Structures are given as structure tokens and as C-alpha cells.
């Protein structure tokens, strides 16, 4: 579960960080 939480956080944070690129 700890690994999955880190993975989810990375995906969520990556989604926010890549949001401008996806929107563009």
C-alpha cells in the first residue's frame, strides 16, 4: 500500500504539472 500511495501521488502531481501541456 505504501508503494501504491507513492505511485498515486506521483500520478496526481504529474497530472497537475503536465496539465498546461495537456490543455495546450
PDBML (XML) file of the C-alpha atoms, coordinates in Angstrom:
<?xml version="1.0" encoding="UTF-8" ?>
<PDBx:datablock datablockName="MODEL"
   xmlns:PDBx="http://pdbml.pdb.org/schema/pdbx-v50.xsd"
   xmlns:xsi="http://www.w3.org/2001/XMLSchema-instance"
   xsi:schemaLocation="http://pdbml.pdb.org/schema/pdbx-v50.xsd pdbx-v50.xsd">
   <PDBx:atom_siteCategory>
      <PDBx:atom_site id="1">
         <PDBx:B_iso_or_equiv>0.00</PDBx:B_iso_or_equiv>
         <PDBx:Cartn_x>0.000</PDBx:Cartn_x>
         <PDBx:Cartn_y>0.000</PDBx:Cartn_y>
         <PDBx:Cartn_z>0.000</PDBx:Cartn_z>
         <PDBx:auth_asym_id>A</PDBx:auth_asym_id>
         <PDBx:auth_atom_id>CA</PDBx:auth_atom_id>
         <PDBx:auth_comp_id>UNK</PDBx:auth_comp_id>
         <PDBx:auth_seq_id>1</PDBx:auth_seq_id>
         <PDBx:group_PDB>ATOM</PDBx:group_PDB>
         <PDBx:label_alt_id xsi:nil="true" />
         <PDBx:label_asym_id>A</PDBx:label_asym_id>
         <PDBx:label_atom_id>CA</PDBx:label_atom_id>
         <PDBx:label_comp_id>UNK</PDBx:label_comp_id>
         <PDBx:label_entity_id>1</PDBx:label_entity_id>
         <PDBx:label_seq_id>1</PDBx:label_seq_id>
         <PDBx:occupancy>1.00</PDBx:occupancy>
         <PDBx:pdbx_PDB_model_num>1</PDBx:pdbx_PDB_model_num>
         <PDBx:type_symbol>C</PDBx:type_symbol>
      </PDBx:atom_site>
      <PDBx:atom_site id="2">
         <PDBx:B_iso_or_equiv>0.00</PDBx:B_iso_or_equiv>
         <PDBx:Cartn_x>2.816</PDBx:Cartn_x>
         <PDBx:Cartn_y>2.454</PDBx:Cartn_y>
         <PDBx:Cartn_z>0.777</PDBx:Cartn_z>
         <PDBx:auth_asym_id>A</PDBx:auth_asym_id>
         <PDBx:auth_atom_id>CA</PDBx:auth_atom_id>
         <PDBx:auth_comp_id>UNK</PDBx:auth_comp_id>
         <PDBx:auth_seq_id>2</PDBx:auth_seq_id>
         <PDBx:group_PDB>ATOM</PDBx:group_PDB>
         <PDBx:label_alt_id xsi:nil="true" />
         <PDBx:label_asym_id>A</PDBx:label_asym_id>
         <PDBx:label_atom_id>CA</PDBx:label_atom_id>
         <PDBx:label_comp_id>UNK</PDBx:label_comp_id>
         <PDBx:label_entity_id>1</PDBx:label_entity_id>
         <PDBx:label_seq_id>2</PDBx:label_seq_id>
         <PDBx:occupancy>1.00</PDBx:occupancy>
         <PDBx:pdbx_PDB_model_num>1</PDBx:pdbx_PDB_model_num>
         <PDBx:type_symbol>C</PDBx:type_symbol>
      </PDBx:atom_site>
      <PDBx:atom_site id="3">
         <PDBx:B_iso_or_equiv>0.00</PDBx:B_iso_or_equiv>
         <PDBx:Cartn_x>4.284</PDBx:Cartn_x>
         <PDBx:Cartn_y>1.957</PDBx:Cartn_y>
         <PDBx:Cartn_z>-2.697</PDBx:Cartn_z>
         <PDBx:auth_asym_id>A</PDBx:auth_asym_id>
         <PDBx:auth_atom_id>CA</PDBx:auth_atom_id>
         <PDBx:auth_comp_id>UNK</PDBx:auth_comp_id>
         <PDBx:auth_seq_id>3</PDBx:auth_seq_id>
         <PDBx:group_PDB>ATOM</PDBx:group_PDB>
         <PDBx:label_alt_id xsi:nil="true" />
         <PDBx:label_asym_id>A</PDBx:label_asym_id>
         <PDBx:label_atom_id>CA</PDBx:label_atom_id>
         <PDBx:label_comp_id>UNK</PDBx:label_comp_id>
         <PDBx:label_entity_id>1</PDBx:label_entity_id>
         <PDBx:label_seq_id>3</PDBx:label_seq_id>
         <PDBx:occupancy>1.00</PDBx:occupancy>
         <PDBx:pdbx_PDB_model_num>1</PDBx:pdbx_PDB_model_num>
         <PDBx:type_symbol>C</PDBx:type_symbol>
      </PDBx:atom_site>
      <PDBx:atom_site id="4">
         <PDBx:B_iso_or_equiv>0.00</PDBx:B_iso_or_equiv>
         <PDBx:Cartn_x>0.846</PDBx:Cartn_x>
         <PDBx:Cartn_y>2.383</PDBx:Cartn_y>
         <PDBx:Cartn_z>-4.309</PDBx:Cartn_z>
         <PDBx:auth_asym_id>A</PDBx:auth_asym_id>
         <PDBx:auth_atom_id>CA</PDBx:auth_atom_id>
         <PDBx:auth_comp_id>UNK</PDBx:auth_comp_id>
         <PDBx:auth_seq_id>4</PDBx:auth_seq_id>
         <PDBx:group_PDB>ATOM</PDBx:group_PDB>
         <PDBx:label_alt_id xsi:nil="true" />
         <PDBx:label_asym_id>A</PDBx:label_asym_id>
         <PDBx:label_atom_id>CA</PDBx:label_atom_id>
         <PDBx:label_comp_id>UNK</PDBx:label_comp_id>
         <PDBx:label_entity_id>1</PDBx:label_entity_id>
         <PDBx:label_seq_id>4</PDBx:label_seq_id>
         <PDBx:occupancy>1.00</PDBx:occupancy>
         <PDBx:pdbx_PDB_model_num>1</PDBx:pdbx_PDB_model_num>
         <PDBx:type_symbol>C</PDBx:type_symbol>
      </PDBx:atom_site>
      <PDBx:atom_site id="5">
         <PDBx:B_iso_or_equiv>0.00</PDBx:B_iso_or_equiv>
         <PDBx:Cartn_x>0.310</PDBx:Cartn_x>
         <PDBx:Cartn_y>5.624</PDBx:Cartn_y>
         <PDBx:Cartn_z>-2.391</PDBx:Cartn_z>
         <PDBx:auth_asym_id>A</PDBx:auth_asym_id>
         <PDBx:auth_atom_id>CA</PDBx:auth_atom_id>
         <PDBx:auth_comp_id>UNK</PDBx:auth_comp_id>
         <PDBx:auth_seq_id>5</PDBx:auth_seq_id>
         <PDBx:group_PDB>ATOM</PDBx:group_PDB>
         <PDBx:label_alt_id xsi:nil="true" />
         <PDBx:label_asym_id>A</PDBx:label_asym_id>
         <PDBx:label_atom_id>CA</PDBx:label_atom_id>
         <PDBx:label_comp_id>UNK</PDBx:label_comp_id>
         <PDBx:label_entity_id>1</PDBx:label_entity_id>
         <PDBx:label_seq_id>5</PDBx:label_seq_id>
         <PDBx:occupancy>1.00</PDBx:occupancy>
         <PDBx:pdbx_PDB_model_num>1</PDBx:pdbx_PDB_model_num>
         <PDBx:type_symbol>C</PDBx:type_symbol>
      </PDBx:atom_site>
      <PDBx:atom_site id="6">
         <PDBx:B_iso_or_equiv>0.00</PDBx:B_iso_or_equiv>
         <PDBx:Cartn_x>3.630</PDBx:Cartn_x>
         <PDBx:Cartn_y>6.985</PDBx:Cartn_y>
         <PDBx:Cartn_z>-3.650</PDBx:Cartn_z>
         <PDBx:auth_asym_id>A</PDBx:auth_asym_id>
         <PDBx:auth_atom_id>CA</PDBx:auth_atom_id>
         <PDBx:auth_comp_id>UNK</PDBx:auth_comp_id>
         <PDBx:auth_seq_id>6</PDBx:auth_seq_id>
         <PDBx:group_PDB>ATOM</PDBx:group_PDB>
         <PDBx:label_alt_id xsi:nil="true" />
         <PDBx:label_asym_id>A</PDBx:label_asym_id>
         <PDBx:label_atom_id>CA</PDBx:label_atom_id>
         <PDBx:label_comp_id>UNK</PDBx:label_comp_id>
         <PDBx:label_entity_id>1</PDBx:label_entity_id>
         <PDBx:label_seq_id>6</PDBx:label_seq_id>
         <PDBx:occupancy>1.00</PDBx:occupancy>
         <PDBx:pdbx_PDB_model_num>1</PDBx:pdbx_PDB_model_num>
         <PDBx:type_symbol>C</PDBx:type_symbol>
      </PDBx:atom_site>
      <PDBx:atom_site id="7">
         <PDBx:B_iso_or_equiv>0.00</PDBx:B_iso_or_equiv>
         <PDBx:Cartn_x>2.652</PDBx:Cartn_x>
         <PDBx:Cartn_y>5.961</PDBx:Cartn_y>
         <PDBx:Cartn_z>-7.183</PDBx:Cartn_z>
         <PDBx:auth_asym_id>A</PDBx:auth_asym_id>
         <PDBx:auth_atom_id>CA</PDBx:auth_atom_id>
         <PDBx:auth_comp_id>UNK</PDBx:auth_comp_id>
         <PDBx:auth_seq_id>7</PDBx:auth_seq_id>
         <PDBx:group_PDB>ATOM</PDBx:group_PDB>
         <PDBx:label_alt_id xsi:nil="true" />
         <PDBx:label_asym_id>A</PDBx:label_asym_id>
         <PDBx:label_atom_id>CA</PDBx:label_atom_id>
         <PDBx:label_comp_id>UNK</PDBx:label_comp_id>
         <PDBx:label_entity_id>1</PDBx:label_entity_id>
         <PDBx:label_seq_id>7</PDBx:label_seq_id>
         <PDBx:occupancy>1.00</PDBx:occupancy>
         <PDBx:pdbx_PDB_model_num>1</PDBx:pdbx_PDB_model_num>
         <PDBx:type_symbol>C</PDBx:type_symbol>
      </PDBx:atom_site>
      <PDBx:atom_site id="8">
         <PDBx:B_iso_or_equiv>0.00</PDBx:B_iso_or_equiv>
         <PDBx:Cartn_x>-0.760</PDBx:Cartn_x>
         <PDBx:Cartn_y>7.657</PDBx:Cartn_y>
         <PDBx:Cartn_z>-6.897</PDBx:Cartn_z>
         <PDBx:auth_asym_id>A</PDBx:auth_asym_id>
         <PDBx:auth_atom_id>CA</PDBx:auth_atom_id>
         <PDBx:auth_comp_id>UNK</PDBx:auth_comp_id>
         <PDBx:auth_seq_id>8</PDBx:auth_seq_id>
         <PDBx:group_PDB>ATOM</PDBx:group_PDB>
         <PDBx:label_alt_id xsi:nil="true" />
         <PDBx:label_asym_id>A</PDBx:label_asym_id>
         <PDBx:label_atom_id>CA</PDBx:label_atom_id>
         <PDBx:label_comp_id>UNK</PDBx:label_comp_id>
         <PDBx:label_entity_id>1</PDBx:label_entity_id>
         <PDBx:label_seq_id>8</PDBx:label_seq_id>
         <PDBx:occupancy>1.00</PDBx:occupancy>
         <PDBx:pdbx_PDB_model_num>1</PDBx:pdbx_PDB_model_num>
         <PDBx:type_symbol>C</PDBx:type_symbol>
      </PDBx:atom_site>
      <PDBx:atom_site id="9">
         <PDBx:B_iso_or_equiv>0.00</PDBx:B_iso_or_equiv>
         <PDBx:Cartn_x>0.822</PDBx:Cartn_x>
         <PDBx:Cartn_y>10.818</PDBx:Cartn_y>
         <PDBx:Cartn_z>-5.547</PDBx:Cartn_z>
         <PDBx:auth_asym_id>A</PDBx:auth_asym_id>
         <PDBx:auth_atom_id>CA</PDBx:auth_atom_id>
         <PDBx:auth_comp_id>UNK</PDBx:auth_comp_id>
         <PDBx:auth_seq_id>9</PDBx:auth_seq_id>
         <PDBx:group_PDB>ATOM</PDBx:group_PDB>
         <PDBx:label_alt_id xsi:nil="true" />
         <PDBx:label_asym_id>A</PDBx:label_asym_id>
         <PDBx:label_atom_id>CA</PDBx:label_atom_id>
         <PDBx:label_comp_id>UNK</PDBx:label_comp_id>
         <PDBx:label_entity_id>1</PDBx:label_entity_id>
         <PDBx:label_seq_id>9</PDBx:label_seq_id>
         <PDBx:occupancy>1.00</PDBx:occupancy>
         <PDBx:pdbx_PDB_model_num>1</PDBx:pdbx_PDB_model_num>
         <PDBx:type_symbol>C</PDBx:type_symbol>
      </PDBx:atom_site>
      <PDBx:atom_site id="10">
         <PDBx:B_iso_or_equiv>0.00</PDBx:B_iso_or_equiv>
         <PDBx:Cartn_x>3.303</PDBx:Cartn_x>
         <PDBx:Cartn_y>10.837</PDBx:Cartn_y>
         <PDBx:Cartn_z>-8.422</PDBx:Cartn_z>
         <PDBx:auth_asym_id>A</PDBx:auth_asym_id>
         <PDBx:auth_atom_id>CA</PDBx:auth_atom_id>
         <PDBx:auth_comp_id>UNK</PDBx:auth_comp_id>
         <PDBx:auth_seq_id>10</PDBx:auth_seq_id>
         <PDBx:group_PDB>ATOM</PDBx:group_PDB>
         <PDBx:label_alt_id xsi:nil="true" />
         <PDBx:label_asym_id>A</PDBx:label_asym_id>
         <PDBx:label_atom_id>CA</PDBx:label_atom_id>
         <PDBx:label_comp_id>UNK</PDBx:label_comp_id>
         <PDBx:label_entity_id>1</PDBx:label_entity_id>
         <PDBx:label_seq_id>10</PDBx:label_seq_id>
         <PDBx:occupancy>1.00</PDBx:occupancy>
         <PDBx:pdbx_PDB_model_num>1</PDBx:pdbx_PDB_model_num>
         <PDBx:type_symbol>C</PDBx:type_symbol>
      </PDBx:atom_site>
      <PDBx:atom_site id="11">
         <PDBx:B_iso_or_equiv>0.00</PDBx:B_iso_or_equiv>
         <PDBx:Cartn_x>0.486</PDBx:Cartn_x>
         <PDBx:Cartn_y>10.426</PDBx:Cartn_y>
         <PDBx:Cartn_z>-10.954</PDBx:Cartn_z>
         <PDBx:auth_asym_id>A</PDBx:auth_asym_id>
         <PDBx:auth_atom_id>CA</PDBx:auth_atom_id>
         <PDBx:auth_comp_id>UNK</PDBx:auth_comp_id>
         <PDBx:auth_seq_id>11</PDBx:auth_seq_id>
         <PDBx:group_PDB>ATOM</PDBx:group_PDB>
         <PDBx:label_alt_id xsi:nil="true" />
         <PDBx:label_asym_id>A</PDBx:label_asym_id>
         <PDBx:label_atom_id>CA</PDBx:label_atom_id>
         <PDBx:label_comp_id>UNK</PDBx:label_comp_id>
         <PDBx:label_entity_id>1</PDBx:label_entity_id>
         <PDBx:label_seq_id>11</PDBx:label_seq_id>
         <PDBx:occupancy>1.00</PDBx:occupancy>
         <PDBx:pdbx_PDB_model_num>1</PDBx:pdbx_PDB_model_num>
         <PDBx:type_symbol>C</PDBx:type_symbol>
      </PDBx:atom_site>
      <PDBx:atom_site id="12">
         <PDBx:B_iso_or_equiv>0.00</PDBx:B_iso_or_equiv>
         <PDBx:Cartn_x>-1.640</PDBx:Cartn_x>
         <PDBx:Cartn_y>13.125</PDBx:Cartn_y>
         <PDBx:Cartn_z>-9.315</PDBx:Cartn_z>
         <PDBx:auth_asym_id>A</PDBx:auth_asym_id>
         <PDBx:auth_atom_id>CA</PDBx:auth_atom_id>
         <PDBx:auth_comp_id>UNK</PDBx:auth_comp_id>
         <PDBx:auth_seq_id>12</PDBx:auth_seq_id>
         <PDBx:group_PDB>ATOM</PDBx:group_PDB>
         <PDBx:label_alt_id xsi:nil="true" />
         <PDBx:label_asym_id>A</PDBx:label_asym_id>
         <PDBx:label_atom_id>CA</PDBx:label_atom_id>
         <PDBx:label_comp_id>UNK</PDBx:label_comp_id>
         <PDBx:label_entity_id>1</PDBx:label_entity_id>
         <PDBx:label_seq_id>12</PDBx:label_seq_id>
         <PDBx:occupancy>1.00</PDBx:occupancy>
         <PDBx:pdbx_PDB_model_num>1</PDBx:pdbx_PDB_model_num>
         <PDBx:type_symbol>C</PDBx:type_symbol>
      </PDBx:atom_site>
      <PDBx:atom_site id="13">
         <PDBx:B_iso_or_equiv>0.00</PDBx:B_iso_or_equiv>
         <PDBx:Cartn_x>1.269</PDBx:Cartn_x>
         <PDBx:Cartn_y>15.543</PDBx:Cartn_y>
         <PDBx:Cartn_z>-9.054</PDBx:Cartn_z>
         <PDBx:auth_asym_id>A</PDBx:auth_asym_id>
         <PDBx:auth_atom_id>CA</PDBx:auth_atom_id>
         <PDBx:auth_comp_id>UNK</PDBx:auth_comp_id>
         <PDBx:auth_seq_id>13</PDBx:auth_seq_id>
         <PDBx:group_PDB>ATOM</PDBx:group_PDB>
         <PDBx:label_alt_id xsi:nil="true" />
         <PDBx:label_asym_id>A</PDBx:label_asym_id>
         <PDBx:label_atom_id>CA</PDBx:label_atom_id>
         <PDBx:label_comp_id>UNK</PDBx:label_comp_id>
         <PDBx:label_entity_id>1</PDBx:label_entity_id>
         <PDBx:label_seq_id>13</PDBx:label_seq_id>
         <PDBx:occupancy>1.00</PDBx:occupancy>
         <PDBx:pdbx_PDB_model_num>1</PDBx:pdbx_PDB_model_num>
         <PDBx:type_symbol>C</PDBx:type_symbol>
      </PDBx:atom_site>
      <PDBx:atom_site id="14">
         <PDBx:B_iso_or_equiv>0.00</PDBx:B_iso_or_equiv>
         <PDBx:Cartn_x>2.337</PDBx:Cartn_x>
         <PDBx:Cartn_y>14.701</PDBx:Cartn_y>
         <PDBx:Cartn_z>-12.589</PDBx:Cartn_z>
         <PDBx:auth_asym_id>A</PDBx:auth_asym_id>
         <PDBx:auth_atom_id>CA</PDBx:auth_atom_id>
         <PDBx:auth_comp_id>UNK</PDBx:auth_comp_id>
         <PDBx:auth_seq_id>14</PDBx:auth_seq_id>
         <PDBx:group_PDB>ATOM</PDBx:group_PDB>
         <PDBx:label_alt_id xsi:nil="true" />
         <PDBx:label_asym_id>A</PDBx:label_asym_id>
         <PDBx:label_atom_id>CA</PDBx:label_atom_id>
         <PDBx:label_comp_id>UNK</PDBx:label_comp_id>
         <PDBx:label_entity_id>1</PDBx:label_entity_id>
         <PDBx:label_seq_id>14</PDBx:label_seq_id>
         <PDBx:occupancy>1.00</PDBx:occupancy>
         <PDBx:pdbx_PDB_model_num>1</PDBx:pdbx_PDB_model_num>
         <PDBx:type_symbol>C</PDBx:type_symbol>
      </PDBx:atom_site>
      <PDBx:atom_site id="15">
         <PDBx:B_iso_or_equiv>0.00</PDBx:B_iso_or_equiv>
         <PDBx:Cartn_x>-1.174</PDBx:Cartn_x>
         <PDBx:Cartn_y>15.409</PDBx:Cartn_y>
         <PDBx:Cartn_z>-13.789</PDBx:Cartn_z>
         <PDBx:auth_asym_id>A</PDBx:auth_asym_id>
         <PDBx:auth_atom_id>CA</PDBx:auth_atom_id>
         <PDBx:auth_comp_id>UNK</PDBx:auth_comp_id>
         <PDBx:auth_seq_id>15</PDBx:auth_seq_id>
         <PDBx:group_PDB>ATOM</PDBx:group_PDB>
         <PDBx:label_alt_id xsi:nil="true" />
         <PDBx:label_asym_id>A</PDBx:label_asym_id>
         <PDBx:label_atom_id>CA</PDBx:label_atom_id>
         <PDBx:label_comp_id>UNK</PDBx:label_comp_id>
         <PDBx:label_entity_id>1</PDBx:label_entity_id>
         <PDBx:label_seq_id>15</PDBx:label_seq_id>
         <PDBx:occupancy>1.00</PDBx:occupancy>
         <PDBx:pdbx_PDB_model_num>1</PDBx:pdbx_PDB_model_num>
         <PDBx:type_symbol>C</PDBx:type_symbol>
      </PDBx:atom_site>
      <PDBx:atom_site id="16">
         <PDBx:B_iso_or_equiv>0.00</PDBx:B_iso_or_equiv>
         <PDBx:Cartn_x>-1.098</PDBx:Cartn_x>
         <PDBx:Cartn_y>18.858</PDBx:Cartn_y>
         <PDBx:Cartn_z>-12.233</PDBx:Cartn_z>
         <PDBx:auth_asym_id>A</PDBx:auth_asym_id>
         <PDBx:auth_atom_id>CA</PDBx:auth_atom_id>
         <PDBx:auth_comp_id>UNK</PDBx:auth_comp_id>
         <PDBx:auth_seq_id>16</PDBx:auth_seq_id>
         <PDBx:group_PDB>ATOM</PDBx:group_PDB>
         <PDBx:label_alt_id xsi:nil="true" />
         <PDBx:label_asym_id>A</PDBx:label_asym_id>
         <PDBx:label_atom_id>CA</PDBx:label_atom_id>
         <PDBx:label_comp_id>UNK</PDBx:label_comp_id>
         <PDBx:label_entity_id>1</PDBx:label_entity_id>
         <PDBx:label_seq_id>16</PDBx:label_seq_id>
         <PDBx:occupancy>1.00</PDBx:occupancy>
         <PDBx:pdbx_PDB_model_num>1</PDBx:pdbx_PDB_model_num>
         <PDBx:type_symbol>C</PDBx:type_symbol>
      </PDBx:atom_site>
      <PDBx:atom_site id="17">
         <PDBx:B_iso_or_equiv>0.00</PDBx:B_iso_or_equiv>
         <PDBx:Cartn_x>2.400</PDBx:Cartn_x>
         <PDBx:Cartn_y>19.550</PDBx:Cartn_y>
         <PDBx:Cartn_z>-13.556</PDBx:Cartn_z>
         <PDBx:auth_asym_id>A</PDBx:auth_asym_id>
         <PDBx:auth_atom_id>CA</PDBx:auth_atom_id>
         <PDBx:auth_comp_id>UNK</PDBx:auth_comp_id>
         <PDBx:auth_seq_id>17</PDBx:auth_seq_id>
         <PDBx:group_PDB>ATOM</PDBx:group_PDB>
         <PDBx:label_alt_id xsi:nil="true" />
         <PDBx:label_asym_id>A</PDBx:label_asym_id>
         <PDBx:label_atom_id>CA</PDBx:label_atom_id>
         <PDBx:label_comp_id>UNK</PDBx:label_comp_id>
         <PDBx:label_entity_id>1</PDBx:label_entity_id>
         <PDBx:label_seq_id>17</PDBx:label_seq_id>
         <PDBx:occupancy>1.00</PDBx:occupancy>
         <PDBx:pdbx_PDB_model_num>1</PDBx:pdbx_PDB_model_num>
         <PDBx:type_symbol>C</PDBx:type_symbol>
      </PDBx:atom_site>
      <PDBx:atom_site id="18">
         <PDBx:B_iso_or_equiv>0.00</PDBx:B_iso_or_equiv>
         <PDBx:Cartn_x>1.581</PDBx:Cartn_x>
         <PDBx:Cartn_y>18.344</PDBx:Cartn_y>
         <PDBx:Cartn_z>-17.072</PDBx:Cartn_z>
         <PDBx:auth_asym_id>A</PDBx:auth_asym_id>
         <PDBx:auth_atom_id>CA</PDBx:auth_atom_id>
         <PDBx:auth_comp_id>UNK</PDBx:auth_comp_id>
         <PDBx:auth_seq_id>18</PDBx:auth_seq_id>
         <PDBx:group_PDB>ATOM</PDBx:group_PDB>
         <PDBx:label_alt_id xsi:nil="true" />
         <PDBx:label_asym_id>A</PDBx:label_asym_id>
         <PDBx:label_atom_id>CA</PDBx:label_atom_id>
         <PDBx:label_comp_id>UNK</PDBx:label_comp_id>
         <PDBx:label_entity_id>1</PDBx:label_entity_id>
         <PDBx:label_seq_id>18</PDBx:label_seq_id>
         <PDBx:occupancy>1.00</PDBx:occupancy>
         <PDBx:pdbx_PDB_model_num>1</PDBx:pdbx_PDB_model_num>
         <PDBx:type_symbol>C</PDBx:type_symbol>
      </PDBx:atom_site>
      <PDBx:atom_site id="19">
         <PDBx:B_iso_or_equiv>0.00</PDBx:B_iso_or_equiv>
         <PDBx:Cartn_x>-1.838</PDBx:Cartn_x>
         <PDBx:Cartn_y>19.990</PDBx:Cartn_y>
         <PDBx:Cartn_z>-17.070</PDBx:Cartn_z>
         <PDBx:auth_asym_id>A</PDBx:auth_asym_id>
         <PDBx:auth_atom_id>CA</PDBx:auth_atom_id>
         <PDBx:auth_comp_id>UNK</PDBx:auth_comp_id>
         <PDBx:auth_seq_id>19</PDBx:auth_seq_id>
         <PDBx:group_PDB>ATOM</PDBx:group_PDB>
         <PDBx:label_alt_id xsi:nil="true" />
         <PDBx:label_asym_id>A</PDBx:label_asym_id>
         <PDBx:label_atom_id>CA</PDBx:label_atom_id>
         <PDBx:label_comp_id>UNK</PDBx:label_comp_id>
         <PDBx:label_entity_id>1</PDBx:label_entity_id>
         <PDBx:label_seq_id>19</PDBx:label_seq_id>
         <PDBx:occupancy>1.00</PDBx:occupancy>
         <PDBx:pdbx_PDB_model_num>1</PDBx:pdbx_PDB_model_num>
         <PDBx:type_symbol>C</PDBx:type_symbol>
      </PDBx:atom_site>
      <PDBx:atom_site id="20">
         <PDBx:B_iso_or_equiv>0.00</PDBx:B_iso_or_equiv>
         <PDBx:Cartn_x>-0.754</PDBx:Cartn_x>
         <PDBx:Cartn_y>23.030</PDBx:Cartn_y>
         <PDBx:Cartn_z>-19.138</PDBx:Cartn_z>
         <PDBx:auth_asym_id>A</PDBx:auth_asym_id>
         <PDBx:auth_atom_id>CA</PDBx:auth_atom_id>
         <PDBx:auth_comp_id>UNK</PDBx:auth_comp_id>
         <PDBx:auth_seq_id>20</PDBx:auth_seq_id>
         <PDBx:group_PDB>ATOM</PDBx:group_PDB>
         <PDBx:label_alt_id xsi:nil="true" />
         <PDBx:label_asym_id>A</PDBx:label_asym_id>
         <PDBx:label_atom_id>CA</PDBx:label_atom_id>
         <PDBx:label_comp_id>UNK</PDBx:label_comp_id>
         <PDBx:label_entity_id>1</PDBx:label_entity_id>
         <PDBx:label_seq_id>20</PDBx:label_seq_id>
         <PDBx:occupancy>1.00</PDBx:occupancy>
         <PDBx:pdbx_PDB_model_num>1</PDBx:pdbx_PDB_model_num>
         <PDBx:type_symbol>C</PDBx:type_symbol>
      </PDBx:atom_site>
      <PDBx:atom_site id="21">
         <PDBx:B_iso_or_equiv>0.00</PDBx:B_iso_or_equiv>
         <PDBx:Cartn_x>0.805</PDBx:Cartn_x>
         <PDBx:Cartn_y>20.757</PDBx:Cartn_y>
         <PDBx:Cartn_z>-21.767</PDBx:Cartn_z>
         <PDBx:auth_asym_id>A</PDBx:auth_asym_id>
         <PDBx:auth_atom_id>CA</PDBx:auth_atom_id>
         <PDBx:auth_comp_id>UNK</PDBx:auth_comp_id>
         <PDBx:auth_seq_id>21</PDBx:auth_seq_id>
         <PDBx:group_PDB>ATOM</PDBx:group_PDB>
         <PDBx:label_alt_id xsi:nil="true" />
         <PDBx:label_asym_id>A</PDBx:label_asym_id>
         <PDBx:label_atom_id>CA</PDBx:label_atom_id>
         <PDBx:label_comp_id>UNK</PDBx:label_comp_id>
         <PDBx:label_entity_id>1</PDBx:label_entity_id>
         <PDBx:label_seq_id>21</PDBx:label_seq_id>
         <PDBx:occupancy>1.00</PDBx:occupancy>
         <PDBx:pdbx_PDB_model_num>1</PDBx:pdbx_PDB_model_num>
         <PDBx:type_symbol>C</PDBx:type_symbol>
      </PDBx:atom_site>
      <PDBx:atom_site id="22">
         <PDBx:B_iso_or_equiv>0.00</PDBx:B_iso_or_equiv>
         <PDBx:Cartn_x>-2.338</PDBx:Cartn_x>
         <PDBx:Cartn_y>18.610</PDBx:Cartn_y>
         <PDBx:Cartn_z>-22.000</PDBx:Cartn_z>
         <PDBx:auth_asym_id>A</PDBx:auth_asym_id>
         <PDBx:auth_atom_id>CA</PDBx:auth_atom_id>
         <PDBx:auth_comp_id>UNK</PDBx:auth_comp_id>
         <PDBx:auth_seq_id>22</PDBx:auth_seq_id>
         <PDBx:group_PDB>ATOM</PDBx:group_PDB>
         <PDBx:label_alt_id xsi:nil="true" />
         <PDBx:label_asym_id>A</PDBx:label_asym_id>
         <PDBx:label_atom_id>CA</PDBx:label_atom_id>
         <PDBx:label_comp_id>UNK</PDBx:label_comp_id>
         <PDBx:label_entity_id>1</PDBx:label_entity_id>
         <PDBx:label_seq_id>22</PDBx:label_seq_id>
         <PDBx:occupancy>1.00</PDBx:occupancy>
         <PDBx:pdbx_PDB_model_num>1</PDBx:pdbx_PDB_model_num>
         <PDBx:type_symbol>C</PDBx:type_symbol>
      </PDBx:atom_site>
      <PDBx:atom_site id="23">
         <PDBx:B_iso_or_equiv>0.00</PDBx:B_iso_or_equiv>
         <PDBx:Cartn_x>-4.506</PDBx:Cartn_x>
         <PDBx:Cartn_y>21.706</PDBx:Cartn_y>
         <PDBx:Cartn_z>-22.159</PDBx:Cartn_z>
         <PDBx:auth_asym_id>A</PDBx:auth_asym_id>
         <PDBx:auth_atom_id>CA</PDBx:auth_atom_id>
         <PDBx:auth_comp_id>UNK</PDBx:auth_comp_id>
         <PDBx:auth_seq_id>23</PDBx:auth_seq_id>
         <PDBx:group_PDB>ATOM</PDBx:group_PDB>
         <PDBx:label_alt_id xsi:nil="true" />
         <PDBx:label_asym_id>A</PDBx:label_asym_id>
         <PDBx:label_atom_id>CA</PDBx:label_atom_id>
         <PDBx:label_comp_id>UNK</PDBx:label_comp_id>
         <PDBx:label_entity_id>1</PDBx:label_entity_id>
         <PDBx:label_seq_id>23</PDBx:label_seq_id>
         <PDBx:occupancy>1.00</PDBx:occupancy>
         <PDBx:pdbx_PDB_model_num>1</PDBx:pdbx_PDB_model_num>
         <PDBx:type_symbol>C</PDBx:type_symbol>
      </PDBx:atom_site>
      <PDBx:atom_site id="24">
         <PDBx:B_iso_or_equiv>0.00</PDBx:B_iso_or_equiv>
         <PDBx:Cartn_x>-2.328</PDBx:Cartn_x>
         <PDBx:Cartn_y>23.206</PDBx:Cartn_y>
         <PDBx:Cartn_z>-24.890</PDBx:Cartn_z>
         <PDBx:auth_asym_id>A</PDBx:auth_asym_id>
         <PDBx:auth_atom_id>CA</PDBx:auth_atom_id>
         <PDBx:auth_comp_id>UNK</PDBx:auth_comp_id>
         <PDBx:auth_seq_id>24</PDBx:auth_seq_id>
         <PDBx:group_PDB>ATOM</PDBx:group_PDB>
         <PDBx:label_alt_id xsi:nil="true" />
         <PDBx:label_asym_id>A</PDBx:label_asym_id>
         <PDBx:label_atom_id>CA</PDBx:label_atom_id>
         <PDBx:label_comp_id>UNK</PDBx:label_comp_id>
         <PDBx:label_entity_id>1</PDBx:label_entity_id>
         <PDBx:label_seq_id>24</PDBx:label_seq_id>
         <PDBx:occupancy>1.00</PDBx:occupancy>
         <PDBx:pdbx_PDB_model_num>1</PDBx:pdbx_PDB_model_num>
         <PDBx:type_symbol>C</PDBx:type_symbol>
      </PDBx:atom_site>
   </PDBx:atom_siteCategory>
</PDBx:datablock>
